[in-house]
Amino acid sequence: MSAASCPAGVRQFLRQVSAIRIGLLAVLVVPLNLFADAIAEELDLGADGPLYIRLISGLVVARALMNLMEATLNSFFAQFWSNLLGLADSLLKLVLVGLVLALGYGMGGVLGTITATAGLVALAYIVCVSFTLHDLSVADHATHPAAEVCRVGLAGWTRPTVLPF
């Protein structure tokens, strides 16, 4: 897609896809959190049930962002960063969950740790994608300094004014 458009178009497309993904998740996650007390009671999750539901909701959103950013990095051949962040995620979870269990925190502590780790790694993925798209923008500007900003969207795309060849 980058060859058919420009870095600004790729960023716009990525923002649209992210908004759609988060919007669709919100349709499920927001009502789940609003009724967490009743759901936890119905499922007999105990006193910490609503907390578990809310933590798992946060984990779902963080993992959705992580998966989208990982796919974006892989599509721009940034597998090194994608693999490094995946490894960091696994190691952080292993160490922090072990620490939380050793300190005597229960299921809430474990879920909180996993959710926090996923949130931090999702943020790291977003930063890596931003740098990757910035590098793409710099390379595109060096190749085509007179190119106008173009737009790629879900509804269609407009052609760049300078052809990539």
N, C-alpha and C. Protein backbone atom coordinates (compact mmCIF):
# COMPACT_ATOMS: atom_id res chain seq x y z
N MET A 1 0.83 -1.17 0.00
CA MET A 1 0.00 0.00 0.00
C MET A 1 0.87 1.24 0.00
N SER A 2 2.04 1.18 0.64
CA SER A 2 2.92 2.33 0.71
C SER A 2 3.39 2.76 -0.68
N ALA A 3 3.62 1.81 -1.56
CA ALA A 3 4.06 2.15 -2.91
C ALA A 3 2.94 2.81 -3.70
N ALA A 4 1.71 2.47 -3.40
CA ALA A 4 0.58 3.03 -4.14
C ALA A 4 0.15 4.38 -3.57
N SER A 5 0.57 4.69 -2.39
CA SER A 5 0.17 5.98 -1.82
C SER A 5 1.40 6.68 -1.30
N CYS A 6 1.35 7.18 -0.09
CA CYS A 6 2.48 7.86 0.53
C CYS A 6 2.39 7.65 2.03
N PRO A 7 3.44 8.01 2.75
CA PRO A 7 3.42 7.79 4.20
C PRO A 7 2.25 8.45 4.92
N ALA A 8 1.86 9.63 4.49
CA ALA A 8 0.71 10.28 5.13
C ALA A 8 -0.56 9.46 4.92
N GLY A 9 -0.69 8.87 3.75
CA GLY A 9 -1.84 8.02 3.48
C GLY A 9 -1.82 6.75 4.31
N VAL A 10 -0.64 6.20 4.51
CA VAL A 10 -0.51 4.99 5.33
C VAL A 10 -0.89 5.31 6.78
N ARG A 11 -0.41 6.44 7.28
CA ARG A 11 -0.76 6.84 8.66
C ARG A 11 -2.27 7.04 8.80
N GLN A 12 -2.88 7.70 7.82
CA GLN A 12 -4.33 7.93 7.84
C GLN A 12 -5.09 6.60 7.85
N PHE A 13 -4.66 5.69 7.00
CA PHE A 13 -5.30 4.37 6.92
C PHE A 13 -5.16 3.63 8.25
N LEU A 14 -3.96 3.69 8.84
CA LEU A 14 -3.73 3.02 10.11
C LEU A 14 -4.59 3.61 11.22
N ARG A 15 -4.74 4.94 11.23
CA ARG A 15 -5.63 5.57 12.21
C ARG A 15 -7.07 5.11 12.04
N GLN A 16 -7.52 5.00 10.79
CA GLN A 16 -8.89 4.56 10.54
C GLN A 16 -9.10 3.12 10.98
N VAL A 17 -8.16 2.26 10.67
CA VAL A 17 -8.29 0.85 11.06
C VAL A 17 -8.25 0.72 12.59
N SER A 18 -7.39 1.49 13.23
CA SER A 18 -7.32 1.45 14.70
C SER A 18 -8.63 1.93 15.32
N ALA A 19 -9.18 3.01 14.77
CA ALA A 19 -10.44 3.54 15.30
C ALA A 19 -11.57 2.53 15.12
N ILE A 20 -11.61 1.86 14.00
CA ILE A 20 -12.66 0.85 13.77
C ILE A 20 -12.49 -0.32 14.74
N ARG A 21 -11.26 -0.76 14.92
CA ARG A 21 -11.01 -1.90 15.81
C ARG A 21 -11.41 -1.55 17.24
N ILE A 22 -10.97 -0.38 17.73
CA ILE A 22 -11.30 0.03 19.09
C ILE A 22 -12.80 0.30 19.21
N GLY A 23 -13.40 0.88 18.18
CA GLY A 23 -14.85 1.14 18.20
C GLY A 23 -15.66 -0.14 18.31
N LEU A 24 -15.26 -1.14 17.54
CA LEU A 24 -15.97 -2.43 17.61
C LEU A 24 -15.78 -3.10 18.96
N LEU A 25 -14.57 -2.99 19.51
CA LEU A 25 -14.35 -3.55 20.84
C LEU A 25 -15.16 -2.80 21.89
N ALA A 26 -15.29 -1.50 21.73
CA ALA A 26 -16.04 -0.70 22.70
C ALA A 26 -17.50 -1.13 22.77
N VAL A 27 -18.04 -1.57 21.65
CA VAL A 27 -19.42 -2.05 21.64
C VAL A 27 -19.59 -3.24 22.59
N LEU A 28 -18.56 -4.03 22.73
CA LEU A 28 -18.61 -5.18 23.63
C LEU A 28 -18.13 -4.82 25.04
N VAL A 29 -17.03 -4.09 25.12
CA VAL A 29 -16.36 -3.86 26.40
C VAL A 29 -17.10 -2.86 27.28
N VAL A 30 -17.65 -1.80 26.71
CA VAL A 30 -18.31 -0.78 27.53
C VAL A 30 -19.52 -1.36 28.27
N PRO A 31 -20.45 -2.05 27.58
CA PRO A 31 -21.57 -2.64 28.34
C PRO A 31 -21.12 -3.70 29.35
N LEU A 32 -20.07 -4.44 28.99
CA LEU A 32 -19.55 -5.45 29.91
C LEU A 32 -19.06 -4.80 31.20
N ASN A 33 -18.40 -3.65 31.08
CA ASN A 33 -17.92 -2.94 32.26
C ASN A 33 -19.04 -2.25 33.02
N LEU A 34 -20.02 -1.74 32.30
CA LEU A 34 -21.15 -1.09 32.97
C LEU A 34 -21.94 -2.07 33.84
N PHE A 35 -22.06 -3.29 33.36
CA PHE A 35 -22.82 -4.31 34.09
C PHE A 35 -21.92 -5.34 34.75
N ALA A 36 -20.66 -4.96 35.05
CA ALA A 36 -19.70 -5.90 35.61
C ALA A 36 -20.16 -6.48 36.95
N ASP A 37 -20.80 -5.66 37.77
CA ASP A 37 -21.26 -6.16 39.06
C ASP A 37 -22.31 -7.26 38.90
N ALA A 38 -23.29 -6.99 38.06
CA ALA A 38 -24.36 -7.98 37.84
C ALA A 38 -23.83 -9.23 37.17
N ILE A 39 -22.94 -9.06 36.21
CA ILE A 39 -22.37 -10.23 35.51
C ILE A 39 -21.53 -11.07 36.47
N ALA A 40 -20.72 -10.40 37.28
CA ALA A 40 -19.89 -11.13 38.24
C ALA A 40 -20.74 -11.88 39.25
N GLU A 41 -21.84 -11.27 39.66
CA GLU A 41 -22.74 -11.94 40.60
C GLU A 41 -23.41 -13.14 39.94
N GLU A 42 -23.86 -12.96 38.70
CA GLU A 42 -24.52 -14.06 37.97
C GLU A 42 -23.56 -15.23 37.73
N LEU A 43 -22.29 -14.92 37.46
CA LEU A 43 -21.30 -15.97 37.21
C LEU A 43 -20.64 -16.47 38.49
N ASP A 44 -21.05 -15.90 39.63
CA ASP A 44 -20.53 -16.28 40.93
C ASP A 44 -18.99 -16.18 40.96
N LEU A 45 -18.49 -14.99 40.59
CA LEU A 45 -17.04 -14.76 40.56
C LEU A 45 -16.49 -14.24 41.88
N GLY A 46 -17.36 -14.06 42.85
CA GLY A 46 -16.91 -13.60 44.16
C GLY A 46 -16.83 -12.09 44.26
N ALA A 47 -16.26 -11.63 45.36
CA ALA A 47 -16.21 -10.19 45.63
C ALA A 47 -15.32 -9.45 44.63
N ASP A 48 -14.29 -10.10 44.13
CA ASP A 48 -13.39 -9.46 43.17
C ASP A 48 -13.82 -9.66 41.72
N GLY A 49 -14.97 -10.23 41.50
CA GLY A 49 -15.46 -10.51 40.15
C GLY A 49 -15.52 -9.30 39.24
N PRO A 50 -16.10 -8.18 39.69
CA PRO A 50 -16.14 -6.99 38.82
C PRO A 50 -14.73 -6.49 38.45
N LEU A 51 -13.80 -6.58 39.40
CA LEU A 51 -12.42 -6.20 39.11
C LEU A 51 -11.83 -7.09 38.03
N TYR A 52 -12.07 -8.39 38.12
CA TYR A 52 -11.57 -9.33 37.12
C TYR A 52 -12.12 -8.99 35.74
N ILE A 53 -13.41 -8.71 35.68
CA ILE A 53 -14.04 -8.39 34.40
C ILE A 53 -13.43 -7.13 33.81
N ARG A 54 -13.21 -6.12 34.64
CA ARG A 54 -12.64 -4.85 34.13
C ARG A 54 -11.19 -5.03 33.71
N LEU A 55 -10.43 -5.80 34.45
CA LEU A 55 -9.03 -6.04 34.06
C LEU A 55 -8.94 -6.83 32.76
N ILE A 56 -9.80 -7.82 32.62
CA ILE A 56 -9.79 -8.61 31.38
C ILE A 56 -10.24 -7.75 30.20
N SER A 57 -11.16 -6.82 30.43
CA SER A 57 -11.56 -5.90 29.36
C SER A 57 -10.38 -5.04 28.91
N GLY A 58 -9.61 -4.54 29.86
CA GLY A 58 -8.42 -3.77 29.52
C GLY A 58 -7.40 -4.61 28.77
N LEU A 59 -7.27 -5.85 29.18
CA LEU A 59 -6.35 -6.77 28.50
C LEU A 59 -6.78 -7.01 27.06
N VAL A 60 -8.07 -7.15 26.84
CA VAL A 60 -8.58 -7.37 25.48
C VAL A 60 -8.25 -6.17 24.58
N VAL A 61 -8.44 -4.97 25.09
CA VAL A 61 -8.16 -3.77 24.30
C VAL A 61 -6.66 -3.66 24.02
N ALA A 62 -5.84 -3.89 25.04
CA ALA A 62 -4.38 -3.80 24.85
C ALA A 62 -3.89 -4.84 23.85
N ARG A 63 -4.41 -6.06 23.95
CA ARG A 63 -3.99 -7.11 23.01
C ARG A 63 -4.44 -6.80 21.58
N ALA A 64 -5.61 -6.20 21.44
CA ALA A 64 -6.07 -5.83 20.09
C ALA A 64 -5.13 -4.80 19.48
N LEU A 65 -4.72 -3.81 20.26
CA LEU A 65 -3.77 -2.83 19.77
C LEU A 65 -2.41 -3.46 19.47
N MET A 66 -1.96 -4.35 20.35
CA MET A 66 -0.69 -5.03 20.12
C MET A 66 -0.71 -5.81 18.82
N ASN A 67 -1.77 -6.55 18.57
CA ASN A 67 -1.85 -7.36 17.35
C ASN A 67 -1.86 -6.49 16.11
N LEU A 68 -2.58 -5.37 16.16
CA LEU A 68 -2.62 -4.46 15.01
C LEU A 68 -1.25 -3.84 14.76
N MET A 69 -0.59 -3.40 15.81
CA MET A 69 0.73 -2.77 15.64
C MET A 69 1.78 -3.80 15.21
N GLU A 70 1.66 -5.03 15.70
CA GLU A 70 2.58 -6.08 15.29
C GLU A 70 2.42 -6.38 13.80
N ALA A 71 1.19 -6.45 13.35
CA ALA A 71 0.95 -6.68 11.91
C ALA A 71 1.48 -5.52 11.07
N THR A 72 1.35 -4.31 11.60
CA THR A 72 1.86 -3.14 10.89
C THR A 72 3.38 -3.19 10.79
N LEU A 73 4.04 -3.51 11.88
CA LEU A 73 5.50 -3.62 11.85
C LEU A 73 5.94 -4.72 10.87
N ASN A 74 5.26 -5.85 10.91
CA ASN A 74 5.62 -6.94 10.01
C ASN A 74 5.40 -6.56 8.55
N SER A 75 4.38 -5.76 8.27
CA SER A 75 4.12 -5.38 6.89
C SER A 75 5.17 -4.42 6.35
N PHE A 76 5.88 -3.73 7.25
CA PHE A 76 6.98 -2.85 6.82
C PHE A 76 8.34 -3.49 7.05
N PHE A 77 8.36 -4.81 7.16
CA PHE A 77 9.58 -5.59 7.31
C PHE A 77 10.38 -5.18 8.54
N ALA A 78 9.69 -4.86 9.60
CA ALA A 78 10.35 -4.51 10.86
C ALA A 78 10.18 -5.67 11.84
N GLN A 79 10.48 -6.89 11.36
CA GLN A 79 10.29 -8.07 12.19
C GLN A 79 11.20 -8.07 13.41
N PHE A 80 12.37 -7.45 13.30
CA PHE A 80 13.28 -7.39 14.45
C PHE A 80 12.57 -6.75 15.63
N TRP A 81 11.97 -5.57 15.42
CA TRP A 81 11.29 -4.87 16.50
C TRP A 81 10.05 -5.62 16.96
N SER A 82 9.35 -6.20 16.01
CA SER A 82 8.16 -6.97 16.34
C SER A 82 8.52 -8.16 17.22
N ASN A 83 9.56 -8.89 16.83
CA ASN A 83 9.99 -10.05 17.61
C ASN A 83 10.57 -9.64 18.96
N LEU A 84 11.31 -8.53 18.99
CA LEU A 84 11.90 -8.06 20.24
C LEU A 84 10.80 -7.67 21.24
N LEU A 85 9.78 -6.97 20.75
CA LEU A 85 8.68 -6.59 21.65
C LEU A 85 7.88 -7.81 22.10
N GLY A 86 7.69 -8.78 21.21
CA GLY A 86 7.02 -10.02 21.61
C GLY A 86 7.79 -10.76 22.69
N LEU A 87 9.11 -10.80 22.55
CA LEU A 87 9.97 -11.43 23.55
C LEU A 87 9.92 -10.66 24.87
N ALA A 88 9.98 -9.33 24.78
CA ALA A 88 9.90 -8.50 25.99
C ALA A 88 8.57 -8.72 26.71
N ASP A 89 7.49 -8.82 25.94
CA ASP A 89 6.17 -9.07 26.53
C ASP A 89 6.16 -10.38 27.30
N SER A 90 6.68 -11.42 26.68
CA SER A 90 6.70 -12.74 27.33
C SER A 90 7.56 -12.74 28.58
N LEU A 91 8.75 -12.15 28.49
CA LEU A 91 9.64 -12.14 29.65
C LEU A 91 9.08 -11.28 30.78
N LEU A 92 8.53 -10.12 30.45
CA LEU A 92 7.94 -9.27 31.49
C LEU A 92 6.81 -9.98 32.21
N LYS A 93 5.96 -10.64 31.46
CA LYS A 93 4.85 -11.37 32.09
C LYS A 93 5.36 -12.47 33.00
N LEU A 94 6.34 -13.21 32.53
CA LEU A 94 6.89 -14.31 33.31
C LEU A 94 7.48 -13.79 34.63
N VAL A 95 8.32 -12.78 34.54
CA VAL A 95 8.99 -12.25 35.73
C VAL A 95 7.99 -11.57 36.67
N LEU A 96 7.13 -10.71 36.11
CA LEU A 96 6.23 -9.95 36.97
C LEU A 96 5.14 -10.81 37.60
N VAL A 97 4.62 -11.78 36.86
CA VAL A 97 3.61 -12.68 37.45
C VAL A 97 4.25 -13.52 38.55
N GLY A 98 5.47 -13.99 38.31
CA GLY A 98 6.18 -14.73 39.35
C GLY A 98 6.41 -13.89 40.59
N LEU A 99 6.78 -12.62 40.40
CA LEU A 99 6.99 -11.70 41.52
C LEU A 99 5.69 -11.44 42.27
N VAL A 100 4.62 -11.21 41.53
CA VAL A 100 3.31 -10.95 42.16
C VAL A 100 2.86 -12.15 42.98
N LEU A 101 3.05 -13.34 42.44
CA LEU A 101 2.67 -14.55 43.18
C LEU A 101 3.56 -14.75 44.40
N ALA A 102 4.86 -14.47 44.25
CA ALA A 102 5.78 -14.62 45.38
C ALA A 102 5.45 -13.64 46.51
N LEU A 103 4.94 -12.47 46.14
CA LEU A 103 4.57 -11.47 47.15
C LEU A 103 3.21 -11.75 47.78
N GLY A 104 2.50 -12.76 47.26
CA GLY A 104 1.26 -13.17 47.88
C GLY A 104 0.00 -12.53 47.34
N TYR A 105 0.12 -11.79 46.26
CA TYR A 105 -1.09 -11.21 45.66
C TYR A 105 -1.84 -12.31 44.93
N GLY A 106 -3.12 -12.21 44.93
CA GLY A 106 -3.95 -13.25 44.34
C GLY A 106 -4.20 -13.04 42.86
N MET A 107 -5.36 -13.52 42.45
CA MET A 107 -5.75 -13.47 41.05
C MET A 107 -5.85 -12.04 40.53
N GLY A 108 -6.32 -11.13 41.36
CA GLY A 108 -6.40 -9.72 40.95
C GLY A 108 -5.03 -9.15 40.63
N GLY A 109 -4.04 -9.50 41.43
CA GLY A 109 -2.67 -9.05 41.17
C GLY A 109 -2.11 -9.61 39.89
N VAL A 110 -2.39 -10.89 39.64
CA VAL A 110 -1.91 -11.53 38.41
C VAL A 110 -2.57 -10.89 37.19
N LEU A 111 -3.89 -10.73 37.23
CA LEU A 111 -4.59 -10.11 36.10
C LEU A 111 -4.15 -8.65 35.90
N GLY A 112 -3.95 -7.94 37.01
CA GLY A 112 -3.48 -6.57 36.91
C GLY A 112 -2.10 -6.48 36.29
N THR A 113 -1.23 -7.39 36.67
CA THR A 113 0.12 -7.43 36.11
C THR A 113 0.09 -7.74 34.63
N ILE A 114 -0.68 -8.72 34.23
CA ILE A 114 -0.77 -9.09 32.82
C ILE A 114 -1.36 -7.94 32.00
N THR A 115 -2.38 -7.28 32.54
CA THR A 115 -3.00 -6.15 31.84
C THR A 115 -2.03 -4.98 31.73
N ALA A 116 -1.34 -4.66 32.81
CA ALA A 116 -0.38 -3.56 32.79
C ALA A 116 0.76 -3.84 31.82
N THR A 117 1.25 -5.06 31.81
CA THR A 117 2.32 -5.44 30.88
C THR A 117 1.85 -5.31 29.45
N ALA A 118 0.65 -5.79 29.17
CA ALA A 118 0.11 -5.68 27.81
C ALA A 118 -0.04 -4.22 27.40
N GLY A 119 -0.48 -3.38 28.33
CA GLY A 119 -0.61 -1.95 28.04
C GLY A 119 0.72 -1.30 27.74
N LEU A 120 1.75 -1.62 28.53
CA LEU A 120 3.08 -1.07 28.30
C LEU A 120 3.67 -1.54 26.97
N VAL A 121 3.51 -2.81 26.68
CA VAL A 121 4.04 -3.34 25.42
C VAL A 121 3.25 -2.78 24.23
N ALA A 122 1.95 -2.60 24.38
CA ALA A 122 1.16 -1.98 23.31
C ALA A 122 1.65 -0.56 23.05
N LEU A 123 1.97 0.17 24.11
CA LEU A 123 2.52 1.52 23.96
C LEU A 123 3.87 1.48 23.24
N ALA A 124 4.71 0.50 23.60
CA ALA A 124 6.00 0.35 22.92
C ALA A 124 5.80 0.02 21.44
N TYR A 125 4.82 -0.82 21.12
CA TYR A 125 4.51 -1.12 19.72
C TYR A 125 4.10 0.15 18.98
N ILE A 126 3.26 0.97 19.60
CA ILE A 126 2.80 2.20 18.96
C ILE A 126 3.99 3.12 18.68
N VAL A 127 4.92 3.22 19.63
CA VAL A 127 6.12 4.04 19.42
C VAL A 127 6.95 3.50 18.27
N CYS A 128 7.15 2.18 18.22
CA CYS A 128 7.93 1.58 17.12
C CYS A 128 7.26 1.81 15.78
N VAL A 129 5.95 1.68 15.73
CA VAL A 129 5.23 1.93 14.47
C VAL A 129 5.38 3.39 14.07
N SER A 130 5.31 4.30 15.04
CA SER A 130 5.49 5.73 14.74
C SER A 130 6.87 5.99 14.15
N PHE A 131 7.91 5.40 14.75
CA PHE A 131 9.25 5.58 14.21
C PHE A 131 9.39 4.96 12.82
N THR A 132 8.78 3.80 12.63
CA THR A 132 8.84 3.14 11.33
C THR A 132 8.16 3.99 10.27
N LEU A 133 6.99 4.54 10.58
CA LEU A 133 6.30 5.41 9.63
C LEU A 133 7.06 6.71 9.41
N HIS A 134 7.72 7.22 10.44
CA HIS A 134 8.54 8.42 10.28
C HIS A 134 9.70 8.15 9.33
N ASP A 135 10.36 6.99 9.53
CA ASP A 135 11.45 6.62 8.62
C ASP A 135 10.96 6.48 7.20
N LEU A 136 9.77 5.94 7.03
CA LEU A 136 9.18 5.80 5.71
C LEU A 136 8.92 7.18 5.11
N SER A 137 8.45 8.10 5.94
CA SER A 137 8.18 9.46 5.48
C SER A 137 9.47 10.16 5.05
N VAL A 138 10.53 10.01 5.83
CA VAL A 138 11.81 10.63 5.49
C VAL A 138 12.35 10.04 4.20
N ALA A 139 12.28 8.72 4.04
CA ALA A 139 12.76 8.08 2.82
C ALA A 139 11.92 8.52 1.62
N ASP A 140 10.61 8.65 1.80
CA ASP A 140 9.75 9.06 0.70
C ASP A 140 10.03 10.51 0.30
N HIS A 141 10.27 11.36 1.30
CA HIS A 141 10.55 12.77 1.00
C HIS A 141 11.90 12.90 0.29
N ALA A 142 12.87 12.06 0.68
CA ALA A 142 14.17 12.11 0.01
C ALA A 142 14.07 11.65 -1.43
N THR A 143 13.19 10.68 -1.70
CA THR A 143 13.02 10.17 -3.05
C THR A 143 12.17 11.10 -3.90
N HIS A 144 11.10 11.65 -3.33
CA HIS A 144 10.15 12.51 -4.04
C HIS A 144 9.91 13.79 -3.24
N PRO A 145 10.85 14.75 -3.24
CA PRO A 145 10.67 15.94 -2.41
C PRO A 145 9.49 16.80 -2.80
N ALA A 146 9.01 16.71 -4.04
CA ALA A 146 7.91 17.58 -4.48
C ALA A 146 6.55 16.90 -4.35
N ALA A 147 6.52 15.72 -3.77
CA ALA A 147 5.25 14.98 -3.68
C ALA A 147 4.30 15.68 -2.72
N GLU A 148 3.06 15.79 -3.12
CA GLU A 148 2.04 16.37 -2.25
C GLU A 148 1.52 15.30 -1.30
N VAL A 149 0.92 15.76 -0.23
CA VAL A 149 0.34 14.82 0.73
C VAL A 149 -0.86 14.16 0.07
N CYS A 150 -0.90 12.86 0.12
CA CYS A 150 -2.03 12.14 -0.46
C CYS A 150 -2.77 11.44 0.65
N ARG A 151 -3.90 10.87 0.33
CA ARG A 151 -4.77 10.29 1.34
C ARG A 151 -5.20 8.91 0.90
N VAL A 152 -5.05 7.95 1.79
CA VAL A 152 -5.55 6.61 1.57
C VAL A 152 -6.58 6.38 2.65
N GLY A 153 -7.73 5.93 2.27
CA GLY A 153 -8.77 5.70 3.25
C GLY A 153 -9.51 4.43 2.95
N LEU A 154 -10.44 4.14 3.80
CA LEU A 154 -11.23 2.94 3.59
C LEU A 154 -12.18 3.11 2.42
N ALA A 155 -12.57 4.36 2.14
CA ALA A 155 -13.51 4.59 1.04
C ALA A 155 -12.81 4.63 -0.31
N GLY A 156 -11.52 4.80 -0.33
CA GLY A 156 -10.80 4.88 -1.59
C GLY A 156 -9.49 5.60 -1.40
N TRP A 157 -8.85 5.92 -2.49
CA TRP A 157 -7.57 6.61 -2.36
C TRP A 157 -7.40 7.56 -3.51
N THR A 158 -6.55 8.55 -3.27
CA THR A 158 -6.21 9.48 -4.33
C THR A 158 -4.77 9.22 -4.72
N ARG A 159 -4.46 9.39 -5.98
CA ARG A 159 -3.12 9.10 -6.47
C ARG A 159 -2.13 10.16 -6.03
N PRO A 160 -0.89 9.77 -5.75
CA PRO A 160 0.12 10.76 -5.47
C PRO A 160 0.43 11.54 -6.75
N THR A 161 0.87 12.77 -6.59
CA THR A 161 1.15 13.58 -7.78
C THR A 161 2.47 13.18 -8.43
N VAL A 162 3.36 12.53 -7.67
CA VAL A 162 4.62 12.07 -8.22
C VAL A 162 4.60 10.54 -8.20
N LEU A 163 4.83 9.94 -9.34
CA LEU A 163 4.81 8.49 -9.41
C LEU A 163 6.05 7.92 -8.74
N PRO A 164 5.94 6.76 -8.11
CA PRO A 164 7.07 6.21 -7.37
C PRO A 164 8.16 5.63 -8.26
N PHE A 165 8.03 5.66 -9.57
CA PHE A 165 9.08 5.12 -10.43
C PHE A 165 9.63 6.15 -11.36
